[in-house]
Amino acid sequence: MDKAGIGSLLIGLILCVLGIYAIWVFLPGVIAVVLGLIGIVALLVGLVLIIFGILIIKE
């Protein structure tokens, strides 16, 4: 292995550990964000299905 590969592996491991720690510390906020994103995705899928249905009906 070269130095760049070892360096990127170590930095990646450190960032993963810091990310897991941040998720653990801010768990209620993370849960709120995930639920909000699920709501946004549901809204967008619903809008796409409405538009798709309107286009099918017009044909």
PDB file of N, CA and C in Angstrom:
ATOM      1  N   MET A   1       0.845  -1.192   0.000  1.00  0.00           N
ATOM      2  CA  MET A   1       0.000   0.000   0.000  1.00  0.00           C
ATOM      3  C   MET A   1       0.882   1.245   0.000  1.00  0.00           C
ATOM      4  N   ASP A   2       0.417   2.247  -0.662  1.00  0.00           N
ATOM      5  CA  ASP A   2       1.167   3.485  -0.674  1.00  0.00           C
ATOM      6  C   ASP A   2       0.672   4.415   0.431  1.00  0.00           C
ATOM      7  N   LYS A   3       1.384   5.503   0.593  1.00  0.00           N
ATOM      8  CA  LYS A   3       1.061   6.439   1.684  1.00  0.00           C
ATOM      9  C   LYS A   3      -0.290   7.114   1.491  1.00  0.00           C
ATOM     10  N   ALA A   4      -0.652   7.391   0.266  1.00  0.00           N
ATOM     11  CA  ALA A   4      -1.940   8.048   0.011  1.00  0.00           C
ATOM     12  C   ALA A   4      -3.099   7.127   0.387  1.00  0.00           C
ATOM     13  N   GLY A   5      -2.977   5.841   0.089  1.00  0.00           N
ATOM     14  CA  GLY A   5      -4.031   4.896   0.436  1.00  0.00           C
ATOM     15  C   GLY A   5      -4.181   4.747   1.936  1.00  0.00           C
ATOM     16  N   ILE A   6      -3.064   4.661   2.642  1.00  0.00           N
ATOM     17  CA  ILE A   6      -3.117   4.545   4.103  1.00  0.00           C
ATOM     18  C   ILE A   6      -3.672   5.820   4.714  1.00  0.00           C
ATOM     19  N   GLY A   7      -3.262   6.960   4.186  1.00  0.00           N
ATOM     20  CA  GLY A   7      -3.755   8.243   4.695  1.00  0.00           C
ATOM     21  C   GLY A   7      -5.245   8.401   4.494  1.00  0.00           C
ATOM     22  N   SER A   8      -5.732   8.056   3.307  1.00  0.00           N
ATOM     23  CA  SER A   8      -7.167   8.187   3.050  1.00  0.00           C
ATOM     24  C   SER A   8      -7.958   7.180   3.879  1.00  0.00           C
ATOM     25  N   LEU A   9      -7.400   5.991   4.111  1.00  0.00           N
ATOM     26  CA  LEU A   9      -8.066   5.005   4.958  1.00  0.00           C
ATOM     27  C   LEU A   9      -8.176   5.509   6.389  1.00  0.00           C
ATOM     28  N   LEU A  10      -7.115   6.062   6.920  1.00  0.00           N
ATOM     29  CA  LEU A  10      -7.141   6.592   8.287  1.00  0.00           C
ATOM     30  C   LEU A  10      -8.094   7.781   8.415  1.00  0.00           C
ATOM     31  N   ILE A  11      -8.063   8.688   7.469  1.00  0.00           N
ATOM     32  CA  ILE A  11      -8.959   9.849   7.510  1.00  0.00           C
ATOM     33  C   ILE A  11     -10.410   9.395   7.385  1.00  0.00           C
ATOM     34  N   GLY A  12     -10.671   8.416   6.530  1.00  0.00           N
ATOM     35  CA  GLY A  12     -12.028   7.888   6.380  1.00  0.00           C
ATOM     36  C   GLY A  12     -12.522   7.245   7.666  1.00  0.00           C
ATOM     37  N   LEU A  13     -11.667   6.475   8.334  1.00  0.00           N
ATOM     38  CA  LEU A  13     -12.057   5.855   9.599  1.00  0.00           C
ATOM     39  C   LEU A  13     -12.329   6.901  10.677  1.00  0.00           C
ATOM     40  N   ILE A  14     -11.485   7.917  10.733  1.00  0.00           N
ATOM     41  CA  ILE A  14     -11.674   8.985  11.723  1.00  0.00           C
ATOM     42  C   ILE A  14     -12.979   9.724  11.458  1.00  0.00           C
ATOM     43  N   LEU A  15     -13.269  10.041  10.199  1.00  0.00           N
ATOM     44  CA  LEU A  15     -14.519  10.735   9.867  1.00  0.00           C
ATOM     45  C   LEU A  15     -15.741   9.877  10.167  1.00  0.00           C
ATOM     46  N   CYS A  16     -15.646   8.566   9.936  1.00  0.00           N
ATOM     47  CA  CYS A  16     -16.767   7.684  10.269  1.00  0.00           C
ATOM     48  C   CYS A  16     -17.010   7.659  11.769  1.00  0.00           C
ATOM     49  N   VAL A  17     -15.949   7.582  12.550  1.00  0.00           N
ATOM     50  CA  VAL A  17     -16.092   7.578  14.009  1.00  0.00           C
ATOM     51  C   VAL A  17     -16.680   8.899  14.486  1.00  0.00           C
ATOM     52  N   LEU A  18     -16.204  10.022  13.950  1.00  0.00           N
ATOM     53  CA  LEU A  18     -16.745  11.325  14.333  1.00  0.00           C
ATOM     54  C   LEU A  18     -18.208  11.466  13.913  1.00  0.00           C
ATOM     55  N   GLY A  19     -18.564  10.935  12.752  1.00  0.00           N
ATOM     56  CA  GLY A  19     -19.950  10.987  12.295  1.00  0.00           C
ATOM     57  C   GLY A  19     -20.865  10.172  13.186  1.00  0.00           C
ATOM     58  N   ILE A  20     -20.428   8.979  13.567  1.00  0.00           N
ATOM     59  CA  ILE A  20     -21.229   8.149  14.469  1.00  0.00           C
ATOM     60  C   ILE A  20     -21.385   8.836  15.821  1.00  0.00           C
ATOM     61  N   TYR A  21     -20.314   9.452  16.324  1.00  0.00           N
ATOM     62  CA  TYR A  21     -20.389  10.167  17.602  1.00  0.00           C
ATOM     63  C   TYR A  21     -21.361  11.346  17.508  1.00  0.00           C
ATOM     64  N   ALA A  22     -21.312  12.087  16.405  1.00  0.00           N
ATOM     65  CA  ALA A  22     -22.203  13.237  16.226  1.00  0.00           C
ATOM     66  C   ALA A  22     -23.659  12.781  16.135  1.00  0.00           C
ATOM     67  N   ILE A  23     -23.902  11.674  15.449  1.00  0.00           N
ATOM     68  CA  ILE A  23     -25.269  11.146  15.375  1.00  0.00           C
ATOM     69  C   ILE A  23     -25.740  10.736  16.762  1.00  0.00           C
ATOM     70  N   TRP A  24     -24.869  10.113  17.549  1.00  0.00           N
ATOM     71  CA  TRP A  24     -25.238   9.667  18.895  1.00  0.00           C
ATOM     72  C   TRP A  24     -25.546  10.864  19.798  1.00  0.00           C
ATOM     73  N   VAL A  25     -24.748  11.919  19.698  1.00  0.00           N
ATOM     74  CA  VAL A  25     -24.935  13.091  20.554  1.00  0.00           C
ATOM     75  C   VAL A  25     -26.212  13.842  20.176  1.00  0.00           C
ATOM     76  N   PHE A  26     -26.455  13.993  18.893  1.00  0.00           N
ATOM     77  CA  PHE A  26     -27.601  14.769  18.416  1.00  0.00           C
ATOM     78  C   PHE A  26     -28.711  13.861  17.899  1.00  0.00           C
ATOM     79  N   LEU A  27     -28.962  12.740  18.567  1.00  0.00           N
ATOM     80  CA  LEU A  27     -29.911  11.740  18.081  1.00  0.00           C
ATOM     81  C   LEU A  27     -31.331  12.286  17.888  1.00  0.00           C
ATOM     82  N   PRO A  28     -31.892  13.066  18.806  1.00  0.00           N
ATOM     83  CA  PRO A  28     -33.250  13.587  18.552  1.00  0.00           C
ATOM     84  C   PRO A  28     -33.322  14.467  17.297  1.00  0.00           C
ATOM     85  N   GLY A  29     -32.305  15.274  17.080  1.00  0.00           N
ATOM     86  CA  GLY A  29     -32.268  16.105  15.874  1.00  0.00           C
ATOM     87  C   GLY A  29     -32.138  15.272  14.613  1.00  0.00           C
ATOM     88  N   VAL A  30     -31.328  14.225  14.687  1.00  0.00           N
ATOM     89  CA  VAL A  30     -31.154  13.331  13.537  1.00  0.00           C
ATOM     90  C   VAL A  30     -32.467  12.640  13.204  1.00  0.00           C
ATOM     91  N   ILE A  31     -33.175  12.189  14.224  1.00  0.00           N
ATOM     92  CA  ILE A  31     -34.465  11.532  13.997  1.00  0.00           C
ATOM     93  C   ILE A  31     -35.453  12.510  13.369  1.00  0.00           C
ATOM     94  N   ALA A  32     -35.454  13.746  13.842  1.00  0.00           N
ATOM     95  CA  ALA A  32     -36.359  14.754  13.284  1.00  0.00           C
ATOM     96  C   ALA A  32     -36.030  15.027  11.820  1.00  0.00           C
ATOM     97  N   VAL A  33     -34.756  15.102  11.498  1.00  0.00           N
ATOM     98  CA  VAL A  33     -34.351  15.357  10.109  1.00  0.00           C
ATOM     99  C   VAL A  33     -34.752  14.191   9.214  1.00  0.00           C
ATOM    100  N   VAL A  34     -34.529  12.969   9.684  1.00  0.00           N
ATOM    101  CA  VAL A  34     -34.885  11.799   8.879  1.00  0.00           C
ATOM    102  C   VAL A  34     -36.392  11.750   8.645  1.00  0.00           C
ATOM    103  N   LEU A  35     -37.179  12.024   9.676  1.00  0.00           N
ATOM    104  CA  LEU A  35     -38.635  12.036   9.509  1.00  0.00           C
ATOM    105  C   LEU A  35     -39.063  13.151   8.556  1.00  0.00           C
ATOM    106  N   GLY A  36     -38.425  14.305   8.652  1.00  0.00           N
ATOM    107  CA  GLY A  36     -38.728  15.395   7.723  1.00  0.00           C
ATOM    108  C   GLY A  36     -38.393  15.035   6.289  1.00  0.00           C
ATOM    109  N   LEU A  37     -37.255  14.361   6.084  1.00  0.00           N
ATOM    110  CA  LEU A  37     -36.877  13.950   4.734  1.00  0.00           C
ATOM    111  C   LEU A  37     -37.842  12.908   4.181  1.00  0.00           C
ATOM    112  N   ILE A  38     -38.318  12.010   5.044  1.00  0.00           N
ATOM    113  CA  ILE A  38     -39.305  11.025   4.597  1.00  0.00           C
ATOM    114  C   ILE A  38     -40.583  11.744   4.164  1.00  0.00           C
ATOM    115  N   GLY A  39     -40.989  12.760   4.913  1.00  0.00           N
ATOM    116  CA  GLY A  39     -42.165  13.534   4.541  1.00  0.00           C
ATOM    117  C   GLY A  39     -41.990  14.268   3.230  1.00  0.00           C
ATOM    118  N   ILE A  40     -40.834  14.847   3.021  1.00  0.00           N
ATOM    119  CA  ILE A  40     -40.563  15.563   1.770  1.00  0.00           C
ATOM    120  C   ILE A  40     -40.575  14.596   0.591  1.00  0.00           C
ATOM    121  N   VAL A  41     -39.968  13.424   0.758  1.00  0.00           N
ATOM    122  CA  VAL A  41     -39.957  12.434  -0.322  1.00  0.00           C
ATOM    123  C   VAL A  41     -41.382  11.980  -0.633  1.00  0.00           C
ATOM    124  N   ALA A  42     -42.197  11.751   0.394  1.00  0.00           N
ATOM    125  CA  ALA A  42     -43.581  11.347   0.168  1.00  0.00           C
ATOM    126  C   ALA A  42     -44.347  12.434  -0.584  1.00  0.00           C
ATOM    127  N   LEU A  43     -44.114  13.686  -0.220  1.00  0.00           N
ATOM    128  CA  LEU A  43     -44.768  14.796  -0.910  1.00  0.00           C
ATOM    129  C   LEU A  43     -44.359  14.847  -2.378  1.00  0.00           C
ATOM    130  N   LEU A  44     -43.074  14.713  -2.661  1.00  0.00           N
ATOM    131  CA  LEU A  44     -42.600  14.774  -4.042  1.00  0.00           C
ATOM    132  C   LEU A  44     -43.127  13.604  -4.863  1.00  0.00           C
ATOM    133  N   VAL A  45     -43.142  12.404  -4.277  1.00  0.00           N
ATOM    134  CA  VAL A  45     -43.679  11.250  -5.000  1.00  0.00           C
ATOM    135  C   VAL A  45     -45.164  11.459  -5.286  1.00  0.00           C
ATOM    136  N   GLY A  46     -45.892  11.996  -4.328  1.00  0.00           N
ATOM    137  CA  GLY A  46     -47.305  12.277  -4.542  1.00  0.00           C
ATOM    138  C   GLY A  46     -47.524  13.279  -5.657  1.00  0.00           C
ATOM    139  N   LEU A  47     -46.732  14.336  -5.677  1.00  0.00           N
ATOM    140  CA  LEU A  47     -46.868  15.334  -6.748  1.00  0.00           C
ATOM    141  C   LEU A  47     -46.549  14.744  -8.112  1.00  0.00           C
ATOM    142  N   VAL A  48     -45.518  13.924  -8.188  1.00  0.00           N
ATOM    143  CA  VAL A  48     -45.171  13.288  -9.462  1.00  0.00           C
ATOM    144  C   VAL A  48     -46.292  12.364  -9.923  1.00  0.00           C
ATOM    145  N   LEU A  49     -46.859  11.618  -8.992  1.00  0.00           N
ATOM    146  CA  LEU A  49     -47.966  10.728  -9.368  1.00  0.00           C
ATOM    147  C   LEU A  49     -49.191  11.511  -9.816  1.00  0.00           C
ATOM    148  N   ILE A  50     -49.454  12.653  -9.187  1.00  0.00           N
ATOM    149  CA  ILE A  50     -50.579  13.496  -9.613  1.00  0.00           C
ATOM    150  C   ILE A  50     -50.346  14.009 -11.028  1.00  0.00           C
ATOM    151  N   ILE A  51     -49.167  14.520 -11.301  1.00  0.00           N
ATOM    152  CA  ILE A  51     -48.845  15.025 -12.644  1.00  0.00           C
ATOM    153  C   ILE A  51     -48.915  13.911 -13.658  1.00  0.00           C
ATOM    154  N   PHE A  52     -48.359  12.732 -13.310  1.00  0.00           N
ATOM    155  CA  PHE A  52     -48.393  11.583 -14.202  1.00  0.00           C
ATOM    156  C   PHE A  52     -49.833  11.164 -14.486  1.00  0.00           C
ATOM    157  N   GLY A  53     -50.664  11.144 -13.462  1.00  0.00           N
ATOM    158  CA  GLY A  53     -52.069  10.799 -13.665  1.00  0.00           C
ATOM    159  C   GLY A  53     -52.791  11.786 -14.552  1.00  0.00           C
ATOM    160  N   ILE A  54     -52.516  13.074 -14.361  1.00  0.00           N
ATOM    161  CA  ILE A  54     -53.146  14.098 -15.211  1.00  0.00           C
ATOM    162  C   ILE A  54     -52.712  13.920 -16.656  1.00  0.00           C
ATOM    163  N   LEU A  55     -51.444  13.635 -16.886  1.00  0.00           N
ATOM    164  CA  LEU A  55     -50.964  13.433 -18.253  1.00  0.00           C
ATOM    165  C   LEU A  55     -51.586  12.202 -18.894  1.00  0.00           C
ATOM    166  N   ILE A  56     -51.786  11.141 -18.121  1.00  0.00           N
ATOM    167  CA  ILE A  56     -52.408   9.932 -18.666  1.00  0.00           C
ATOM    168  C   ILE A  56     -53.872  10.196 -18.990  1.00  0.00           C
ATOM    169  N   ILE A  57     -54.575  10.925 -18.138  1.00  0.00           N
ATOM    170  CA  ILE A  57     -55.994  11.200 -18.372  1.00  0.00           C
ATOM    171  C   ILE A  57     -56.188  12.061 -19.617  1.00  0.00           C
ATOM    172  N   LYS A  58     -55.277  13.001 -19.872  1.00  0.00           N
ATOM    173  CA  LYS A  58     -55.416  13.894 -21.025  1.00  0.00           C
ATOM    174  C   LYS A  58     -55.215  13.164 -22.349  1.00  0.00           C
ATOM    175  N   GLU A  59     -54.570  12.002 -22.355  1.00  0.00           N
ATOM    176  CA  GLU A  59     -54.337  11.296 -23.619  1.00  0.00           C
ATOM    177  C   GLU A  59     -55.521  10.646 -24.140  1.00  0.00           C
TER     178      GLU A  59
END
